[in-house]
PDB file of N, CA and C in Angstrom:
ATOM      1  N   MET A   1      -0.239  12.706 -11.572  1.00  0.00           N
ATOM      2  CA  MET A   1      -0.215  11.839 -10.402  1.00  0.00           C
ATOM      3  C   MET A   1       1.189  11.896  -9.809  1.00  0.00           C
ATOM      4  N   ALA A   2       1.281  11.637  -8.544  1.00  0.00           N
ATOM      5  CA  ALA A   2       2.545  11.791  -7.824  1.00  0.00           C
ATOM      6  C   ALA A   2       3.309  10.463  -7.714  1.00  0.00           C
ATOM      7  N   SER A   3       4.580  10.595  -7.444  1.00  0.00           N
ATOM      8  CA  SER A   3       5.460   9.452  -7.257  1.00  0.00           C
ATOM      9  C   SER A   3       5.119   8.722  -5.960  1.00  0.00           C
ATOM     10  N   ILE A   4       5.081   7.404  -6.028  1.00  0.00           N
ATOM     11  CA  ILE A   4       4.790   6.589  -4.848  1.00  0.00           C
ATOM     12  C   ILE A   4       5.883   6.789  -3.804  1.00  0.00           C
ATOM     13  N   LEU A   5       7.135   6.727  -4.224  1.00  0.00           N
ATOM     14  CA  LEU A   5       8.244   6.891  -3.297  1.00  0.00           C
ATOM     15  C   LEU A   5       8.258   8.288  -2.689  1.00  0.00           C
ATOM     16  N   THR A   6       8.105   9.312  -3.500  1.00  0.00           N
ATOM     17  CA  THR A   6       8.148  10.688  -3.004  1.00  0.00           C
ATOM     18  C   THR A   6       7.012  10.950  -2.019  1.00  0.00           C
ATOM     19  N   ASP A   7       5.804  10.496  -2.344  1.00  0.00           N
ATOM     20  CA  ASP A   7       4.671  10.668  -1.428  1.00  0.00           C
ATOM     21  C   ASP A   7       4.905   9.956  -0.111  1.00  0.00           C
ATOM     22  N   THR A   8       5.416   8.742  -0.184  1.00  0.00           N
ATOM     23  CA  THR A   8       5.660   7.965   1.027  1.00  0.00           C
ATOM     24  C   THR A   8       6.735   8.639   1.883  1.00  0.00           C
ATOM     25  N   LYS A   9       7.783   9.127   1.249  1.00  0.00           N
ATOM     26  CA  LYS A   9       8.829   9.830   1.997  1.00  0.00           C
ATOM     27  C   LYS A   9       8.262  11.073   2.679  1.00  0.00           C
ATOM     28  N   LYS A  10       7.378  11.776   1.985  1.00  0.00           N
ATOM     29  CA  LYS A  10       6.777  12.973   2.563  1.00  0.00           C
ATOM     30  C   LYS A  10       5.994  12.632   3.826  1.00  0.00           C
ATOM     31  N   ILE A  11       5.194  11.576   3.775  1.00  0.00           N
ATOM     32  CA  ILE A  11       4.416  11.143   4.943  1.00  0.00           C
ATOM     33  C   ILE A  11       5.342  10.758   6.093  1.00  0.00           C
ATOM     34  N   LEU A  12       6.485  10.167   5.768  1.00  0.00           N
ATOM     35  CA  LEU A  12       7.456   9.763   6.791  1.00  0.00           C
ATOM     36  C   LEU A  12       8.268  10.941   7.334  1.00  0.00           C
ATOM     37  N   GLY A  13       8.158  12.088   6.674  1.00  0.00           N
ATOM     38  CA  GLY A  13       8.932  13.246   7.098  1.00  0.00           C
ATOM     39  C   GLY A  13      10.343  13.260   6.545  1.00  0.00           C
ATOM     40  N   VAL A  14      10.560  12.523   5.454  1.00  0.00           N
ATOM     41  CA  VAL A  14      11.873  12.463   4.804  1.00  0.00           C
ATOM     42  C   VAL A  14      11.824  13.344   3.564  1.00  0.00           C
ATOM     43  N   ASP A  15      12.752  14.266   3.451  1.00  0.00           N
ATOM     44  CA  ASP A  15      12.798  15.148   2.290  1.00  0.00           C
ATOM     45  C   ASP A  15      13.009  14.335   1.014  1.00  0.00           C
ATOM     46  N   ALA A  16      12.311  14.708  -0.040  1.00  0.00           N
ATOM     47  CA  ALA A  16      12.393  13.982  -1.310  1.00  0.00           C
ATOM     48  C   ALA A  16      13.820  13.921  -1.848  1.00  0.00           C
ATOM     49  N   ALA A  17      14.610  14.952  -1.601  1.00  0.00           N
ATOM     50  CA  ALA A  17      15.976  14.996  -2.120  1.00  0.00           C
ATOM     51  C   ALA A  17      16.951  14.142  -1.301  1.00  0.00           C
ATOM     52  N   TYR A  18      16.541  13.737  -0.107  1.00  0.00           N
ATOM     53  CA  TYR A  18      17.395  12.939   0.772  1.00  0.00           C
ATOM     54  C   TYR A  18      17.206  11.469   0.412  1.00  0.00           C
ATOM     55  N   THR A  19      18.201  10.866  -0.232  1.00  0.00           N
ATOM     56  CA  THR A  19      18.050   9.522  -0.793  1.00  0.00           C
ATOM     57  C   THR A  19      18.714   8.401   0.015  1.00  0.00           C
ATOM     58  N   VAL A  20      19.285   8.735   1.152  1.00  0.00           N
ATOM     59  CA  VAL A  20      20.008   7.736   1.948  1.00  0.00           C
ATOM     60  C   VAL A  20      19.118   6.548   2.320  1.00  0.00           C
ATOM     61  N   PHE A  21      17.848   6.800   2.615  1.00  0.00           N
ATOM     62  CA  PHE A  21      16.944   5.740   3.053  1.00  0.00           C
ATOM     63  C   PHE A  21      16.064   5.185   1.936  1.00  0.00           C
ATOM     64  N   ASP A  22      16.299   5.580   0.698  1.00  0.00           N
ATOM     65  CA  ASP A  22      15.436   5.146  -0.401  1.00  0.00           C
ATOM     66  C   ASP A  22      15.340   3.627  -0.514  1.00  0.00           C
ATOM     67  N   LEU A  23      16.449   2.919  -0.409  1.00  0.00           N
ATOM     68  CA  LEU A  23      16.414   1.463  -0.520  1.00  0.00           C
ATOM     69  C   LEU A  23      15.525   0.867   0.567  1.00  0.00           C
ATOM     70  N   ASP A  24      15.662   1.345   1.786  1.00  0.00           N
ATOM     71  CA  ASP A  24      14.843   0.850   2.895  1.00  0.00           C
ATOM     72  C   ASP A  24      13.361   1.104   2.623  1.00  0.00           C
ATOM     73  N   ILE A  25      13.047   2.326   2.233  1.00  0.00           N
ATOM     74  CA  ILE A  25      11.649   2.707   2.013  1.00  0.00           C
ATOM     75  C   ILE A  25      11.063   1.942   0.831  1.00  0.00           C
ATOM     76  N   ILE A  26      11.822   1.817  -0.251  1.00  0.00           N
ATOM     77  CA  ILE A  26      11.350   1.062  -1.417  1.00  0.00           C
ATOM     78  C   ILE A  26      11.089  -0.396  -1.042  1.00  0.00           C
ATOM     79  N   THR A  27      11.980  -0.979  -0.263  1.00  0.00           N
ATOM     80  CA  THR A  27      11.805  -2.367   0.177  1.00  0.00           C
ATOM     81  C   THR A  27      10.506  -2.528   0.962  1.00  0.00           C
ATOM     82  N   HIS A  28      10.230  -1.592   1.863  1.00  0.00           N
ATOM     83  CA  HIS A  28       9.007  -1.659   2.674  1.00  0.00           C
ATOM     84  C   HIS A  28       7.760  -1.399   1.830  1.00  0.00           C
ATOM     85  N   ILE A  29       7.853  -0.474   0.886  1.00  0.00           N
ATOM     86  CA  ILE A  29       6.728  -0.221  -0.024  1.00  0.00           C
ATOM     87  C   ILE A  29       6.401  -1.497  -0.804  1.00  0.00           C
ATOM     88  N   ASN A  30       7.423  -2.144  -1.323  1.00  0.00           N
ATOM     89  CA  ASN A  30       7.201  -3.361  -2.112  1.00  0.00           C
ATOM     90  C   ASN A  30       6.646  -4.495  -1.257  1.00  0.00           C
ATOM     91  N   ALA A  31       7.053  -4.576   0.004  1.00  0.00           N
ATOM     92  CA  ALA A  31       6.480  -5.578   0.913  1.00  0.00           C
ATOM     93  C   ALA A  31       4.992  -5.317   1.104  1.00  0.00           C
ATOM     94  N   ALA A  32       4.616  -4.056   1.252  1.00  0.00           N
ATOM     95  CA  ALA A  32       3.198  -3.710   1.416  1.00  0.00           C
ATOM     96  C   ALA A  32       2.411  -4.024   0.146  1.00  0.00           C
ATOM     97  N   PHE A  33       2.993  -3.731  -1.011  1.00  0.00           N
ATOM     98  CA  PHE A  33       2.315  -4.078  -2.268  1.00  0.00           C
ATOM     99  C   PHE A  33       2.164  -5.594  -2.404  1.00  0.00           C
ATOM    100  N   SER A  34       3.134  -6.365  -1.929  1.00  0.00           N
ATOM    101  CA  SER A  34       3.027  -7.826  -1.973  1.00  0.00           C
ATOM    102  C   SER A  34       1.871  -8.312  -1.108  1.00  0.00           C
ATOM    103  N   THR A  35       1.713  -7.708   0.059  1.00  0.00           N
ATOM    104  CA  THR A  35       0.604  -8.077   0.936  1.00  0.00           C
ATOM    105  C   THR A  35      -0.728  -7.752   0.279  1.00  0.00           C
ATOM    106  N   ILE A  36      -0.816  -6.575  -0.321  1.00  0.00           N
ATOM    107  CA  ILE A  36      -2.043  -6.183  -1.011  1.00  0.00           C
ATOM    108  C   ILE A  36      -2.340  -7.157  -2.155  1.00  0.00           C
ATOM    109  N   ASN A  37      -1.301  -7.582  -2.860  1.00  0.00           N
ATOM    110  CA  ASN A  37      -1.487  -8.541  -3.948  1.00  0.00           C
ATOM    111  C   ASN A  37      -2.047  -9.858  -3.410  1.00  0.00           C
ATOM    112  N   GLN A  38      -1.565 -10.294  -2.245  1.00  0.00           N
ATOM    113  CA  GLN A  38      -2.071 -11.525  -1.648  1.00  0.00           C
ATOM    114  C   GLN A  38      -3.532 -11.385  -1.214  1.00  0.00           C
ATOM    115  N   LEU A  39      -3.964 -10.152  -0.963  1.00  0.00           N
ATOM    116  CA  LEU A  39      -5.371  -9.896  -0.656  1.00  0.00           C
ATOM    117  C   LEU A  39      -6.223  -9.901  -1.925  1.00  0.00           C
ATOM    118  N   GLY A  40      -5.562  -9.946  -3.082  1.00  0.00           N
ATOM    119  CA  GLY A  40      -6.279  -9.971  -4.355  1.00  0.00           C
ATOM    120  C   GLY A  40      -6.538  -8.597  -4.935  1.00  0.00           C
ATOM    121  N   VAL A  41      -5.798  -7.598  -4.487  1.00  0.00           N
ATOM    122  CA  VAL A  41      -5.980  -6.230  -4.968  1.00  0.00           C
ATOM    123  C   VAL A  41      -4.815  -5.865  -5.884  1.00  0.00           C
ATOM    124  N   GLY A  42      -5.136  -5.231  -6.993  1.00  0.00           N
ATOM    125  CA  GLY A  42      -4.107  -4.791  -7.927  1.00  0.00           C
ATOM    126  C   GLY A  42      -3.881  -5.800  -9.033  1.00  0.00           C
ATOM    127  N   PRO A  43      -2.857  -5.558  -9.833  1.00  0.00           N
ATOM    128  CA  PRO A  43      -2.566  -6.450 -10.962  1.00  0.00           C
ATOM    129  C   PRO A  43      -2.302  -7.880 -10.488  1.00  0.00           C
ATOM    130  N   GLU A  44      -2.803  -8.830 -11.231  1.00  0.00           N
ATOM    131  CA  GLU A  44      -2.656 -10.239 -10.858  1.00  0.00           C
ATOM    132  C   GLU A  44      -1.194 -10.642 -10.708  1.00  0.00           C
ATOM    133  N   GLU A  45      -0.332 -10.082 -11.570  1.00  0.00           N
ATOM    134  CA  GLU A  45       1.095 -10.424 -11.526  1.00  0.00           C
ATOM    135  C   GLU A  45       1.851  -9.692 -10.426  1.00  0.00           C
ATOM    136  N   GLY A  46       1.158  -8.842  -9.687  1.00  0.00           N
ATOM    137  CA  GLY A  46       1.788  -8.078  -8.610  1.00  0.00           C
ATOM    138  C   GLY A  46       2.249  -6.718  -9.088  1.00  0.00           C
ATOM    139  N   PHE A  47       2.772  -5.952  -8.164  1.00  0.00           N
ATOM    140  CA  PHE A  47       3.216  -4.595  -8.462  1.00  0.00           C
ATOM    141  C   PHE A  47       4.375  -4.261  -7.541  1.00  0.00           C
ATOM    142  N   PHE A  48       5.380  -3.581  -8.069  1.00  0.00           N
ATOM    143  CA  PHE A  48       6.492  -3.127  -7.248  1.00  0.00           C
ATOM    144  C   PHE A  48       7.087  -1.880  -7.865  1.00  0.00           C
ATOM    145  N   ILE A  49       7.859  -1.174  -7.051  1.00  0.00           N
ATOM    146  CA  ILE A  49       8.545   0.014  -7.543  1.00  0.00           C
ATOM    147  C   ILE A  49      10.047  -0.209  -7.444  1.00  0.00           C
ATOM    148  N   GLU A  50      10.790   0.556  -8.248  1.00  0.00           N
ATOM    149  CA  GLU A  50      12.252   0.479  -8.207  1.00  0.00           C
ATOM    150  C   GLU A  50      12.880   1.805  -7.817  1.00  0.00           C
ATOM    151  N   ASP A  51      12.155   2.893  -8.068  1.00  0.00           N
ATOM    152  CA  ASP A  51      12.689   4.221  -7.772  1.00  0.00           C
ATOM    153  C   ASP A  51      11.537   5.213  -7.715  1.00  0.00           C
ATOM    154  N   SER A  52      11.851   6.491  -7.815  1.00  0.00           N
ATOM    155  CA  SER A  52      10.818   7.525  -7.683  1.00  0.00           C
ATOM    156  C   SER A  52      10.042   7.782  -8.975  1.00  0.00           C
ATOM    157  N   THR A  53      10.296   7.001 -10.020  1.00  0.00           N
ATOM    158  CA  THR A  53       9.591   7.251 -11.278  1.00  0.00           C
ATOM    159  C   THR A  53       8.200   6.607 -11.319  1.00  0.00           C
ATOM    160  N   GLU A  54       7.972   5.579 -10.500  1.00  0.00           N
ATOM    161  CA  GLU A  54       6.667   4.924 -10.501  1.00  0.00           C
ATOM    162  C   GLU A  54       5.648   5.803  -9.794  1.00  0.00           C
ATOM    163  N   GLU A  55       4.507   5.988 -10.454  1.00  0.00           N
ATOM    164  CA  GLU A  55       3.460   6.848  -9.908  1.00  0.00           C
ATOM    165  C   GLU A  55       2.249   6.023  -9.510  1.00  0.00           C
ATOM    166  N   TRP A  56       1.407   6.616  -8.671  1.00  0.00           N
ATOM    167  CA  TRP A  56       0.235   5.917  -8.148  1.00  0.00           C
ATOM    168  C   TRP A  56      -0.700   5.429  -9.241  1.00  0.00           C
ATOM    169  N   ASP A  57      -0.837   6.179 -10.326  1.00  0.00           N
ATOM    170  CA  ASP A  57      -1.775   5.758 -11.361  1.00  0.00           C
ATOM    171  C   ASP A  57      -1.309   4.495 -12.105  1.00  0.00           C
ATOM    172  N   ALA A  58      -0.045   4.108 -11.926  1.00  0.00           N
ATOM    173  CA  ALA A  58       0.436   2.860 -12.517  1.00  0.00           C
ATOM    174  C   ALA A  58      -0.140   1.640 -11.791  1.00  0.00           C
ATOM    175  N   PHE A  59      -0.549   1.840 -10.543  1.00  0.00           N
ATOM    176  CA  PHE A  59      -1.198   0.778  -9.769  1.00  0.00           C
ATOM    177  C   PHE A  59      -2.676   0.821 -10.121  1.00  0.00           C
ATOM    178  N   GLU A  60      -3.036   0.065 -11.120  1.00  0.00           N
ATOM    179  CA  GLU A  60      -4.353   0.178 -11.737  1.00  0.00           C
ATOM    180  C   GLU A  60      -5.435  -0.521 -10.923  1.00  0.00           C
ATOM    181  N   VAL A  61      -6.086   0.270 -10.093  1.00  0.00           N
ATOM    182  CA  VAL A  61      -7.241  -0.186  -9.321  1.00  0.00           C
ATOM    183  C   VAL A  61      -8.286   0.924  -9.347  1.00  0.00           C
ATOM    184  N   PRO A  62      -9.527   0.611  -9.017  1.00  0.00           N
ATOM    185  CA  PRO A  62     -10.551   1.661  -8.955  1.00  0.00           C
ATOM    186  C   PRO A  62     -10.161   2.734  -7.923  1.00  0.00           C
ATOM    187  N   PRO A  63     -10.634   3.969  -8.118  1.00  0.00           N
ATOM    188  CA  PRO A  63     -10.264   5.072  -7.219  1.00  0.00           C
ATOM    189  C   PRO A  63     -10.515   4.794  -5.733  1.00  0.00           C
ATOM    190  N   ASN A  64     -11.629   4.125  -5.409  1.00  0.00           N
ATOM    191  CA  ASN A  64     -11.895   3.859  -3.997  1.00  0.00           C
ATOM    192  C   ASN A  64     -10.841   2.926  -3.397  1.00  0.00           C
ATOM    193  N   GLN A  65     -10.343   1.990  -4.170  1.00  0.00           N
ATOM    194  CA  GLN A  65      -9.266   1.119  -3.695  1.00  0.00           C
ATOM    195  C   GLN A  65      -7.932   1.856  -3.647  1.00  0.00           C
ATOM    196  N   LEU A  66      -7.706   2.752  -4.588  1.00  0.00           N
ATOM    197  CA  LEU A  66      -6.439   3.477  -4.627  1.00  0.00           C
ATOM    198  C   LEU A  66      -6.251   4.324  -3.371  1.00  0.00           C
ATOM    199  N   HIS A  67      -7.299   4.994  -2.938  1.00  0.00           N
ATOM    200  CA  HIS A  67      -7.178   5.834  -1.741  1.00  0.00           C
ATOM    201  C   HIS A  67      -6.889   4.987  -0.504  1.00  0.00           C
ATOM    202  N   LEU A  68      -7.546   3.854  -0.378  1.00  0.00           N
ATOM    203  CA  LEU A  68      -7.258   2.955   0.744  1.00  0.00           C
ATOM    204  C   LEU A  68      -5.851   2.378   0.628  1.00  0.00           C
ATOM    205  N   THR A  69      -5.436   2.075  -0.596  1.00  0.00           N
ATOM    206  CA  THR A  69      -4.109   1.522  -0.833  1.00  0.00           C
ATOM    207  C   THR A  69      -3.023   2.499  -0.398  1.00  0.00           C
ATOM    208  N   LYS A  70      -3.196   3.758  -0.733  1.00  0.00           N
ATOM    209  CA  LYS A  70      -2.206   4.763  -0.345  1.00  0.00           C
ATOM    210  C   LYS A  70      -2.048   4.812   1.175  1.00  0.00           C
ATOM    211  N   THR A  71      -3.148   4.862   1.880  1.00  0.00           N
ATOM    212  CA  THR A  71      -3.087   4.908   3.340  1.00  0.00           C
ATOM    213  C   THR A  71      -2.458   3.637   3.885  1.00  0.00           C
ATOM    214  N   TYR A  72      -2.827   2.499   3.316  1.00  0.00           N
ATOM    215  CA  TYR A  72      -2.275   1.226   3.749  1.00  0.00           C
ATOM    216  C   TYR A  72      -0.760   1.194   3.563  1.00  0.00           C
ATOM    217  N   ILE A  73      -0.300   1.609   2.393  1.00  0.00           N
ATOM    218  CA  ILE A  73       1.143   1.626   2.114  1.00  0.00           C
ATOM    219  C   ILE A  73       1.858   2.529   3.117  1.00  0.00           C
ATOM    220  N   TYR A  74       1.320   3.724   3.333  1.00  0.00           N
ATOM    221  CA  TYR A  74       1.945   4.659   4.278  1.00  0.00           C
ATOM    222  C   TYR A  74       2.055   4.050   5.671  1.00  0.00           C
ATOM    223  N   LEU A  75       0.962   3.445   6.153  1.00  0.00           N
ATOM    224  CA  LEU A  75       0.976   2.881   7.504  1.00  0.00           C
ATOM    225  C   LEU A  75       1.943   1.708   7.612  1.00  0.00           C
ATOM    226  N   ARG A  76       1.916   0.823   6.627  1.00  0.00           N
ATOM    227  CA  ARG A  76       2.820  -0.329   6.644  1.00  0.00           C
ATOM    228  C   ARG A  76       4.285   0.112   6.643  1.00  0.00           C
ATOM    229  N   VAL A  77       4.598   1.056   5.768  1.00  0.00           N
ATOM    230  CA  VAL A  77       5.985   1.536   5.690  1.00  0.00           C
ATOM    231  C   VAL A  77       6.379   2.211   6.997  1.00  0.00           C
ATOM    232  N   ARG A  78       5.500   3.004   7.549  1.00  0.00           N
ATOM    233  CA  ARG A  78       5.794   3.687   8.818  1.00  0.00           C
ATOM    234  C   ARG A  78       6.078   2.672   9.918  1.00  0.00           C
ATOM    235  N   MET A  79       5.280   1.624   9.986  1.00  0.00           N
ATOM    236  CA  MET A  79       5.487   0.609  11.022  1.00  0.00           C
ATOM    237  C   MET A  79       6.814  -0.128  10.852  1.00  0.00           C
ATOM    238  N   LEU A  80       7.254  -0.292   9.628  1.00  0.00           N
ATOM    239  CA  LEU A  80       8.522  -0.982   9.381  1.00  0.00           C
ATOM    240  C   LEU A  80       9.724  -0.049   9.456  1.00  0.00           C
ATOM    241  N   PHE A  81       9.558   1.168   8.971  1.00  0.00           N
ATOM    242  CA  PHE A  81      10.671   2.106   8.855  1.00  0.00           C
ATOM    243  C   PHE A  81      10.884   2.936  10.126  1.00  0.00           C
ATOM    244  N   ASP A  82       9.790   3.413  10.710  1.00  0.00           N
ATOM    245  CA  ASP A  82       9.884   4.310  11.865  1.00  0.00           C
ATOM    246  C   ASP A  82       8.678   4.102  12.778  1.00  0.00           C
ATOM    247  N   PRO A  83       8.640   2.963  13.474  1.00  0.00           N
ATOM    248  CA  PRO A  83       7.465   2.675  14.302  1.00  0.00           C
ATOM    249  C   PRO A  83       7.327   3.659  15.465  1.00  0.00           C
ATOM    250  N   PRO A  84       6.085   3.853  15.915  1.00  0.00           N
ATOM    251  CA  PRO A  84       5.856   4.756  17.053  1.00  0.00           C
ATOM    252  C   PRO A  84       6.562   4.243  18.305  1.00  0.00           C
ATOM    253  N   GLY A  85       6.772   5.148  19.238  1.00  0.00           N
ATOM    254  CA  GLY A  85       7.503   4.804  20.453  1.00  0.00           C
ATOM    255  C   GLY A  85       6.666   4.210  21.566  1.00  0.00           C
ATOM    256  N   THR A  86       5.343   4.266  21.452  1.00  0.00           N
ATOM    257  CA  THR A  86       4.503   3.729  22.524  1.00  0.00           C
ATOM    258  C   THR A  86       3.660   2.569  22.020  1.00  0.00           C
ATOM    259  N   SER A  87       3.362   1.666  22.928  1.00  0.00           N
ATOM    260  CA  SER A  87       2.557   0.505  22.553  1.00  0.00           C
ATOM    261  C   SER A  87       1.138   0.911  22.166  1.00  0.00           C
ATOM    262  N   PHE A  88       0.643   2.009  22.734  1.00  0.00           N
ATOM    263  CA  PHE A  88      -0.705   2.468  22.391  1.00  0.00           C
ATOM    264  C   PHE A  88      -0.779   2.901  20.926  1.00  0.00           C
ATOM    265  N   LEU A  89       0.223   3.653  20.470  1.00  0.00           N
ATOM    266  CA  LEU A  89       0.246   4.087  19.080  1.00  0.00           C
ATOM    267  C   LEU A  89       0.486   2.922  18.130  1.00  0.00           C
ATOM    268  N   ILE A  90       1.330   2.002  18.538  1.00  0.00           N
ATOM    269  CA  ILE A  90       1.577   0.816  17.715  1.00  0.00           C
ATOM    270  C   ILE A  90       0.280   0.037  17.538  1.00  0.00           C
ATOM    271  N   GLN A  91      -0.455  -0.161  18.636  1.00  0.00           N
ATOM    272  CA  GLN A  91      -1.718  -0.894  18.552  1.00  0.00           C
ATOM    273  C   GLN A  91      -2.732  -0.155  17.686  1.00  0.00           C
ATOM    274  N   ALA A  92      -2.797   1.170  17.834  1.00  0.00           N
ATOM    275  CA  ALA A  92      -3.735   1.963  17.028  1.00  0.00           C
ATOM    276  C   ALA A  92      -3.408   1.836  15.537  1.00  0.00           C
ATOM    277  N   MET A  93      -2.129   1.893  15.199  1.00  0.00           N
ATOM    278  CA  MET A  93      -1.737   1.772  13.795  1.00  0.00           C
ATOM    279  C   MET A  93      -2.000   0.361  13.275  1.00  0.00           C
ATOM    280  N   ASN A  94      -1.714  -0.649  14.100  1.00  0.00           N
ATOM    281  CA  ASN A  94      -1.995  -2.026  13.687  1.00  0.00           C
ATOM    282  C   ASN A  94      -3.494  -2.248  13.481  1.00  0.00           C
ATOM    283  N   ASP A  95      -4.311  -1.612  14.317  1.00  0.00           N
ATOM    284  CA  ASP A  95      -5.763  -1.711  14.151  1.00  0.00           C
ATOM    285  C   ASP A  95      -6.196  -1.066  12.837  1.00  0.00           C
ATOM    286  N   GLN A  96      -5.601   0.090  12.509  1.00  0.00           N
ATOM    287  CA  GLN A  96      -5.923   0.746  11.235  1.00  0.00           C
ATOM    288  C   GLN A  96      -5.507  -0.127  10.058  1.00  0.00           C
ATOM    289  N   ILE A  97      -4.333  -0.718  10.144  1.00  0.00           N
ATOM    290  CA  ILE A  97      -3.840  -1.596   9.081  1.00  0.00           C
ATOM    291  C   ILE A  97      -4.799  -2.770   8.887  1.00  0.00           C
ATOM    292  N   ALA A  98      -5.218  -3.388   9.983  1.00  0.00           N
ATOM    293  CA  ALA A  98      -6.140  -4.523   9.899  1.00  0.00           C
ATOM    294  C   ALA A  98      -7.471  -4.101   9.278  1.00  0.00           C
ATOM    295  N   GLN A  99      -7.969  -2.938   9.654  1.00  0.00           N
ATOM    296  CA  GLN A  99      -9.228  -2.451   9.087  1.00  0.00           C
ATOM    297  C   GLN A  99      -9.086  -2.182   7.589  1.00  0.00           C
ATOM    298  N   LEU A 100      -7.965  -1.589   7.183  1.00  0.00           N
ATOM    299  CA  LEU A 100      -7.740  -1.333   5.759  1.00  0.00           C
ATOM    300  C   LEU A 100      -7.635  -2.636   4.974  1.00  0.00           C
ATOM    301  N   GLU A 101      -6.972  -3.641   5.548  1.00  0.00           N
ATOM    302  CA  GLU A 101      -6.894  -4.936   4.873  1.00  0.00           C
ATOM    303  C   GLU A 101      -8.290  -5.521   4.693  1.00  0.00           C
ATOM    304  N   TRP A 102      -9.125  -5.413   5.716  1.00  0.00           N
ATOM    305  CA  TRP A 102     -10.487  -5.921   5.626  1.00  0.00           C
ATOM    306  C   TRP A 102     -11.262  -5.185   4.541  1.00  0.00           C
ATOM    307  N   ARG A 103     -11.154  -3.845   4.530  1.00  0.00           N
ATOM    308  CA  ARG A 103     -11.887  -3.046   3.541  1.00  0.00           C
ATOM    309  C   ARG A 103     -11.397  -3.332   2.116  1.00  0.00           C
ATOM    310  N   LEU A 104     -10.084  -3.432   1.943  1.00  0.00           N
ATOM    311  CA  LEU A 104      -9.555  -3.758   0.615  1.00  0.00           C
ATOM    312  C   LEU A 104     -10.045  -5.131   0.159  1.00  0.00           C
ATOM    313  N   ASN A 105     -10.094  -6.061   1.072  1.00  0.00           N
ATOM    314  CA  ASN A 105     -10.592  -7.394   0.755  1.00  0.00           C
ATOM    315  C   ASN A 105     -12.070  -7.346   0.379  1.00  0.00           C
ATOM    316  N   MET A 106     -12.850  -6.533   1.067  1.00  0.00           N
ATOM    317  CA  MET A 106     -14.277  -6.401   0.744  1.00  0.00           C
ATOM    318  C   MET A 106     -14.459  -5.799  -0.655  1.00  0.00           C
ATOM    319  N   PHE A 107     -13.690  -4.784  -0.993  1.00  0.00           N
ATOM    320  CA  PHE A 107     -13.757  -4.211  -2.339  1.00  0.00           C
ATOM    321  C   PHE A 107     -13.438  -5.267  -3.384  1.00  0.00           C
ATOM    322  N   ARG A 108     -12.432  -6.067  -3.114  1.00  0.00           N
ATOM    323  CA  ARG A 108     -12.049  -7.118  -4.062  1.00  0.00           C
ATOM    324  C   ARG A 108     -13.185  -8.108  -4.243  1.00  0.00           C
ATOM    325  N   GLU A 109     -13.825  -8.510  -3.160  1.00  0.00           N
ATOM    326  CA  GLU A 109     -14.910  -9.475  -3.259  1.00  0.00           C
ATOM    327  C   GLU A 109     -16.092  -8.912  -4.042  1.00  0.00           C
ATOM    328  N   VAL A 110     -16.343  -7.624  -3.903  1.00  0.00           N
ATOM    329  CA  VAL A 110     -17.426  -6.992  -4.647  1.00  0.00           C
ATOM    330  C   VAL A 110     -17.116  -6.994  -6.144  1.00  0.00           C
ATOM    331  N   LEU A 111     -15.837  -6.846  -6.488  1.00  0.00           N
ATOM    332  CA  LEU A 111     -15.447  -6.782  -7.898  1.00  0.00           C
ATOM    333  C   LEU A 111     -15.333  -8.147  -8.561  1.00  0.00           C
ATOM    334  N   LEU A 112     -15.270  -9.218  -7.750  1.00  0.00           N
ATOM    335  CA  LEU A 112     -15.159 -10.551  -8.335  1.00  0.00           C
ATOM    336  C   LEU A 112     -16.466 -10.945  -9.011  1.00  0.00           C
ATOM    337  N   PRO A 113     -16.380 -11.643 -10.152  1.00  0.00           N
ATOM    338  CA  PRO A 113     -17.609 -12.086 -10.803  1.00  0.00           C
ATOM    339  C   PRO A 113     -18.277 -13.186  -9.982  1.00  0.00           C
ATOM    340  N   ASP A 114     -19.588 -13.266 -10.062  1.00  0.00           N
ATOM    341  CA  ASP A 114     -20.347 -14.311  -9.398  1.00  0.00           C
ATOM    342  C   ASP A 114     -20.013 -15.624 -10.086  1.00  0.00           C
ATOM    343  N   PRO A 115     -19.546 -16.649  -9.325  1.00  0.00           N
ATOM    344  CA  PRO A 115     -19.157 -17.917  -9.953  1.00  0.00           C
ATOM    345  C   PRO A 115     -20.288 -18.578 -10.751  1.00  0.00           C
ATOM    346  N   GLU A 116     -21.540 -18.330 -10.360  1.00  0.00           N
ATOM    347  CA  GLU A 116     -22.663 -18.916 -11.077  1.00  0.00           C
ATOM    348  C   GLU A 116     -22.892 -18.248 -12.429  1.00  0.00           C
ATOM    349  N   GLU A 117     -22.400 -16.989 -12.566  1.00  0.00           N
ATOM    350  CA  GLU A 117     -22.569 -16.264 -13.819  1.00  0.00           C
ATOM    351  C   GLU A 117     -21.452 -16.524 -14.815  1.00  0.00           C
ATOM    352  N   VAL A 118     -20.371 -17.109 -14.357  1.00  0.00           N
ATOM    353  CA  VAL A 118     -19.226 -17.383 -15.213  1.00  0.00           C
ATOM    354  C   VAL A 118     -19.455 -18.720 -15.908  1.00  0.00           C
ATOM    355  N   ALA A 119     -19.397 -18.695 -17.224  1.00  0.00           N
ATOM    356  CA  ALA A 119     -19.625 -19.911 -17.997  1.00  0.00           C
ATOM    357  C   ALA A 119     -18.443 -20.845 -17.871  1.00  0.00           C
ATOM    358  N   PRO A 120     -18.718 -22.165 -17.803  1.00  0.00           N
ATOM    359  CA  PRO A 120     -17.608 -23.143 -17.680  1.00  0.00           C
ATOM    360  C   PRO A 120     -16.810 -23.259 -18.941  1.00  0.00           C
TER     361      PRO A 120
END
């Protein structure tokens, strides 16, 4: 599995060896993971990265959620780190982000146990 930071930098067009913006990118990645945690996706205690050693498989979610999570992280970081220059692209990306949040939330609701089936 690949590094979360390295993959995100690649999507942003930042060479993996260029570390000047790592703190900025890591901060934005962690903000996106915090939002996902508030949606109820991922480990209950939350998830964050500190450097390029953390890999995607450490974020323990089902594969269908992981793929959506990757796209969500990339879009969120892009909007914070290097937003598009036109309002049309900004709106399109914000619409994608909102749709991914909805889909991640739906996956979470499907995985939650039925309250009537849980013994008191």
